Amino acid sequence: MDKIKIYTDGACSGNPGPGGWGAILIHDKREKELSGYHPQTTNNRMELTAAIEALKALRKPCEVTIYSDSAYLINCFQQGWLESWKRNGWRRGKNKTEPVLNTDLWQELDGLMQTHKVTWEKVPGHAGVDYNERVDQLATEQIRLARQ
């Protein structure tokens, strides 16, 4: 099984507002950059979209490590939120009555993770991590290009 490193980031100008996402897939010495735009979204939706689109780009099952500076994304997996949400019928909160935000994207991401062995790693944001800085540039560049 191929081992892939993926760096992802999402950005939003206003929240909600126009948003962009970026991802870099790394396999051996090869790198592939992906990015996209949405005219009206939230930062969290762009963070999720970056991970989804990166996993969709893989052509076969892989062992994947996804690096992100998004606590929203990383904590979901490192703290077991996803499994809890699924057990609770995609509800959250003290009494499990509040719907999980962005359920559509979490469900899509969960489905993609059934194909790949995925681990999640938190990286510090805007702290000089080269690939993390690059995916941030990809995401914000999409917003800038859409405004032109």
C-alpha atoms as a PDB file:
ATOM      1  CA  MET A   1       0.000   0.000   0.000  1.00  0.00           C
ATOM      2  CA  ASP A   2       1.428   3.357  -1.032  1.00  0.00           C
ATOM      3  CA  LYS A   3       2.194   5.838   1.734  1.00  0.00           C
ATOM      4  CA  ILE A   4       0.975   9.349   1.032  1.00  0.00           C
ATOM      5  CA  LYS A   5       1.413  12.557   3.006  1.00  0.00           C
ATOM      6  CA  ILE A   6      -1.266  15.181   2.532  1.00  0.00           C
ATOM      7  CA  TYR A   7      -1.228  18.769   3.791  1.00  0.00           C
ATOM      8  CA  THR A   8      -4.565  20.598   3.718  1.00  0.00           C
ATOM      9  CA  ASP A   9      -5.930  24.023   4.537  1.00  0.00           C
ATOM     10  CA  GLY A  10      -9.094  26.028   4.122  1.00  0.00           C
ATOM     11  CA  ALA A  11      -9.607  29.786   4.134  1.00  0.00           C
ATOM     12  CA  CYS A  12     -12.526  32.155   4.120  1.00  0.00           C
ATOM     13  CA  SER A  13     -12.815  35.898   3.571  1.00  0.00           C
ATOM     14  CA  GLY A  14     -15.472  36.618   6.134  1.00  0.00           C
ATOM     15  CA  ASN A  15     -17.060  33.664   7.851  1.00  0.00           C
ATOM     16  CA  PRO A  16     -19.286  32.979   6.025  1.00  0.00           C
ATOM     17  CA  GLY A  17     -17.971  34.419   2.812  1.00  0.00           C
ATOM     18  CA  PRO A  18     -15.983  33.438  -0.255  1.00  0.00           C
ATOM     19  CA  GLY A  19     -13.680  30.532   0.515  1.00  0.00           C
ATOM     20  CA  GLY A  20     -10.803  28.559  -0.869  1.00  0.00           C
ATOM     21  CA  TRP A  21      -9.066  25.310  -0.058  1.00  0.00           C
ATOM     22  CA  GLY A  22      -5.677  23.839  -0.850  1.00  0.00           C
ATOM     23  CA  ALA A  23      -3.991  20.471  -0.586  1.00  0.00           C
ATOM     24  CA  ILE A  24      -0.610  19.002  -1.408  1.00  0.00           C
ATOM     25  CA  LEU A  25      -0.261  15.253  -1.940  1.00  0.00           C
ATOM     26  CA  ILE A  26       3.249  13.873  -1.472  1.00  0.00           C
ATOM     27  CA  HIS A  27       4.331  10.398  -2.598  1.00  0.00           C
ATOM     28  CA  ASP A  28       8.038   9.624  -2.560  1.00  0.00           C
ATOM     29  CA  LYS A  29       9.550  12.662  -4.288  1.00  0.00           C
ATOM     30  CA  ARG A  30       6.416  13.553  -6.276  1.00  0.00           C
ATOM     31  CA  GLU A  31       4.069  16.353  -5.234  1.00  0.00           C
ATOM     32  CA  LYS A  32       0.668  17.332  -6.540  1.00  0.00           C
ATOM     33  CA  GLU A  33      -1.081  20.580  -5.627  1.00  0.00           C
ATOM     34  CA  LEU A  34      -4.866  20.882  -5.626  1.00  0.00           C
ATOM     35  CA  SER A  35      -7.059  23.873  -4.851  1.00  0.00           C
ATOM     36  CA  GLY A  36     -10.564  25.153  -5.301  1.00  0.00           C
ATOM     37  CA  TYR A  37     -13.056  27.894  -4.531  1.00  0.00           C
ATOM     38  CA  HIS A  38     -16.592  28.312  -3.231  1.00  0.00           C
ATOM     39  CA  PRO A  39     -18.408  31.665  -3.477  1.00  0.00           C
ATOM     40  CA  GLN A  40     -20.260  31.420  -0.136  1.00  0.00           C
ATOM     41  CA  THR A  41     -19.045  29.102   2.599  1.00  0.00           C
ATOM     42  CA  THR A  42     -17.349  28.889   5.988  1.00  0.00           C
ATOM     43  CA  ASN A  43     -13.786  28.285   7.023  1.00  0.00           C
ATOM     44  CA  ASN A  44     -14.689  24.907   8.557  1.00  0.00           C
ATOM     45  CA  ARG A  45     -16.379  23.766   5.345  1.00  0.00           C
ATOM     46  CA  MET A  46     -13.243  24.684   3.407  1.00  0.00           C
ATOM     47  CA  GLU A  47     -11.054  22.744   5.867  1.00  0.00           C
ATOM     48  CA  LEU A  48     -13.241  19.680   5.343  1.00  0.00           C
ATOM     49  CA  THR A  49     -13.387  20.165   1.580  1.00  0.00           C
ATOM     50  CA  ALA A  50      -9.591  20.247   1.341  1.00  0.00           C
ATOM     51  CA  ALA A  51      -9.334  16.841   3.032  1.00  0.00           C
ATOM     52  CA  ILE A  52     -12.188  15.403   0.959  1.00  0.00           C
ATOM     53  CA  GLU A  53     -10.789  16.580  -2.360  1.00  0.00           C
ATOM     54  CA  ALA A  54      -7.307  15.319  -1.475  1.00  0.00           C
ATOM     55  CA  LEU A  55      -8.621  11.840  -0.650  1.00  0.00           C
ATOM     56  CA  LYS A  56     -10.771  11.828  -3.803  1.00  0.00           C
ATOM     57  CA  ALA A  57      -7.623  12.444  -5.857  1.00  0.00           C
ATOM     58  CA  LEU A  58      -6.093   9.126  -4.754  1.00  0.00           C
ATOM     59  CA  ARG A  59      -6.574   6.446  -7.415  1.00  0.00           C
ATOM     60  CA  LYS A  60      -6.231   3.412  -5.162  1.00  0.00           C
ATOM     61  CA  PRO A  61      -6.323   2.589  -1.445  1.00  0.00           C
ATOM     62  CA  CYS A  62      -3.379   4.173   0.356  1.00  0.00           C
ATOM     63  CA  GLU A  63      -1.904   4.640   3.795  1.00  0.00           C
ATOM     64  CA  VAL A  64      -2.394   8.363   4.310  1.00  0.00           C
ATOM     65  CA  THR A  65      -1.239  10.875   6.885  1.00  0.00           C
ATOM     66  CA  ILE A  66      -3.169  14.130   6.700  1.00  0.00           C
ATOM     67  CA  TYR A  67      -1.546  17.196   8.236  1.00  0.00           C
ATOM     68  CA  SER A  68      -3.718  20.201   9.067  1.00  0.00           C
ATOM     69  CA  ASP A  69      -3.668  23.228  11.331  1.00  0.00           C
ATOM     70  CA  SER A  70      -7.448  22.924  11.805  1.00  0.00           C
ATOM     71  CA  ALA A  71      -8.368  21.873  15.340  1.00  0.00           C
ATOM     72  CA  TYR A  72     -11.935  21.328  14.074  1.00  0.00           C
ATOM     73  CA  LEU A  73     -10.737  18.714  11.596  1.00  0.00           C
ATOM     74  CA  ILE A  74      -7.994  17.049  13.639  1.00  0.00           C
ATOM     75  CA  ASN A  75      -9.892  16.905  16.945  1.00  0.00           C
ATOM     76  CA  CYS A  76     -12.769  15.130  15.267  1.00  0.00           C
ATOM     77  CA  PHE A  77     -10.543  12.108  14.731  1.00  0.00           C
ATOM     78  CA  GLN A  78      -8.052  12.387  17.564  1.00  0.00           C
ATOM     79  CA  GLN A  79     -10.800  12.919  20.157  1.00  0.00           C
ATOM     80  CA  GLY A  80     -13.351  10.478  18.727  1.00  0.00           C
ATOM     81  CA  TRP A  81     -16.018  13.021  17.782  1.00  0.00           C
ATOM     82  CA  LEU A  82     -16.899  11.279  14.516  1.00  0.00           C
ATOM     83  CA  GLU A  83     -17.673   7.941  16.137  1.00  0.00           C
ATOM     84  CA  SER A  84     -19.720   9.679  18.831  1.00  0.00           C
ATOM     85  CA  TRP A  85     -21.706  11.646  16.249  1.00  0.00           C
ATOM     86  CA  LYS A  86     -22.462   8.492  14.283  1.00  0.00           C
ATOM     87  CA  ARG A  87     -23.583   6.646  17.449  1.00  0.00           C
ATOM     88  CA  ASN A  88     -25.831   9.585  18.338  1.00  0.00           C
ATOM     89  CA  GLY A  89     -27.503   9.874  14.945  1.00  0.00           C
ATOM     90  CA  TRP A  90     -25.385  12.868  13.908  1.00  0.00           C
ATOM     91  CA  ARG A  91     -26.399  14.796  17.021  1.00  0.00           C
ATOM     92  CA  ARG A  92     -24.150  16.577  19.494  1.00  0.00           C
ATOM     93  CA  GLY A  93     -24.319  18.657  22.641  1.00  0.00           C
ATOM     94  CA  LYS A  94     -25.076  17.890  26.254  1.00  0.00           C
ATOM     95  CA  ASN A  95     -28.418  16.235  25.500  1.00  0.00           C
ATOM     96  CA  LYS A  96     -27.488  15.064  21.998  1.00  0.00           C
ATOM     97  CA  THR A  97     -30.216  17.259  20.514  1.00  0.00           C
ATOM     98  CA  GLU A  98     -28.158  19.655  18.400  1.00  0.00           C
ATOM     99  CA  PRO A  99     -27.418  18.589  14.822  1.00  0.00           C
ATOM    100  CA  VAL A 100     -23.765  18.198  13.889  1.00  0.00           C
ATOM    101  CA  LEU A 101     -22.688  21.094  11.696  1.00  0.00           C
ATOM    102  CA  ASN A 102     -21.472  20.224   8.187  1.00  0.00           C
ATOM    103  CA  THR A 103     -22.919  16.701   8.404  1.00  0.00           C
ATOM    104  CA  ASP A 104     -22.881  16.335   4.626  1.00  0.00           C
ATOM    105  CA  LEU A 105     -19.119  16.865   4.487  1.00  0.00           C
ATOM    106  CA  TRP A 106     -18.353  14.753   7.572  1.00  0.00           C
ATOM    107  CA  GLN A 107     -20.330  11.873   6.037  1.00  0.00           C
ATOM    108  CA  GLU A 108     -18.518  12.224   2.721  1.00  0.00           C
ATOM    109  CA  LEU A 109     -15.153  12.286   4.494  1.00  0.00           C
ATOM    110  CA  ASP A 110     -16.130   9.271   6.599  1.00  0.00           C
ATOM    111  CA  GLY A 111     -17.014   7.368   3.426  1.00  0.00           C
ATOM    112  CA  LEU A 112     -13.683   8.181   1.797  1.00  0.00           C
ATOM    113  CA  MET A 113     -11.841   7.033   4.907  1.00  0.00           C
ATOM    114  CA  GLN A 114     -13.298   3.551   4.442  1.00  0.00           C
ATOM    115  CA  THR A 115     -11.070   3.172   1.365  1.00  0.00           C
ATOM    116  CA  HIS A 116      -7.834   4.412   2.921  1.00  0.00           C
ATOM    117  CA  LYS A 117      -5.956   3.951   6.176  1.00  0.00           C
ATOM    118  CA  VAL A 118      -5.887   7.547   7.411  1.00  0.00           C
ATOM    119  CA  THR A 119      -4.079   9.094  10.355  1.00  0.00           C
ATOM    120  CA  TRP A 120      -4.435  12.736  11.328  1.00  0.00           C
ATOM    121  CA  GLU A 121      -1.672  15.057  12.543  1.00  0.00           C
ATOM    122  CA  LYS A 122      -2.019  18.608  13.841  1.00  0.00           C
ATOM    123  CA  VAL A 123       0.552  21.122  12.654  1.00  0.00           C
ATOM    124  CA  PRO A 124       0.914  24.650  14.016  1.00  0.00           C
ATOM    125  CA  GLY A 125      -0.669  27.264  11.783  1.00  0.00           C
ATOM    126  CA  HIS A 126       1.399  30.112  10.370  1.00  0.00           C
ATOM    127  CA  ALA A 127       4.495  28.827  12.140  1.00  0.00           C
ATOM    128  CA  GLY A 128       6.857  28.263   9.237  1.00  0.00           C
ATOM    129  CA  VAL A 129       5.909  24.655   8.366  1.00  0.00           C
ATOM    130  CA  ASP A 130       6.705  24.821   4.646  1.00  0.00           C
ATOM    131  CA  TYR A 131       3.904  22.628   3.287  1.00  0.00           C
ATOM    132  CA  ASN A 132       1.359  24.123   5.660  1.00  0.00           C
ATOM    133  CA  GLU A 133       2.341  27.602   4.530  1.00  0.00           C
ATOM    134  CA  ARG A 134       2.003  26.505   0.891  1.00  0.00           C
ATOM    135  CA  VAL A 135      -1.512  25.057   1.300  1.00  0.00           C
ATOM    136  CA  ASP A 136      -2.535  28.274   3.038  1.00  0.00           C
ATOM    137  CA  GLN A 137      -1.265  30.180  -0.004  1.00  0.00           C
ATOM    138  CA  LEU A 138      -3.186  27.868  -2.346  1.00  0.00           C
ATOM    139  CA  ALA A 139      -6.407  28.402  -0.404  1.00  0.00           C
ATOM    140  CA  THR A 140      -6.128  32.174  -0.126  1.00  0.00           C
ATOM    141  CA  GLU A 141      -5.006  32.453  -3.756  1.00  0.00           C
ATOM    142  CA  GLN A 142      -8.301  30.887  -4.849  1.00  0.00           C
ATOM    143  CA  ILE A 143     -10.234  33.643  -3.079  1.00  0.00           C
ATOM    144  CA  ARG A 144      -8.020  36.328  -4.611  1.00  0.00           C
ATOM    145  CA  LEU A 145      -8.360  34.854  -8.128  1.00  0.00           C
ATOM    146  CA  ALA A 146     -12.143  34.683  -7.829  1.00  0.00           C
ATOM    147  CA  ARG A 147     -12.291  38.389  -6.924  1.00  0.00           C
ATOM    148  CA  GLN A 148     -10.382  39.426 -10.054  1.00  0.00           C
END
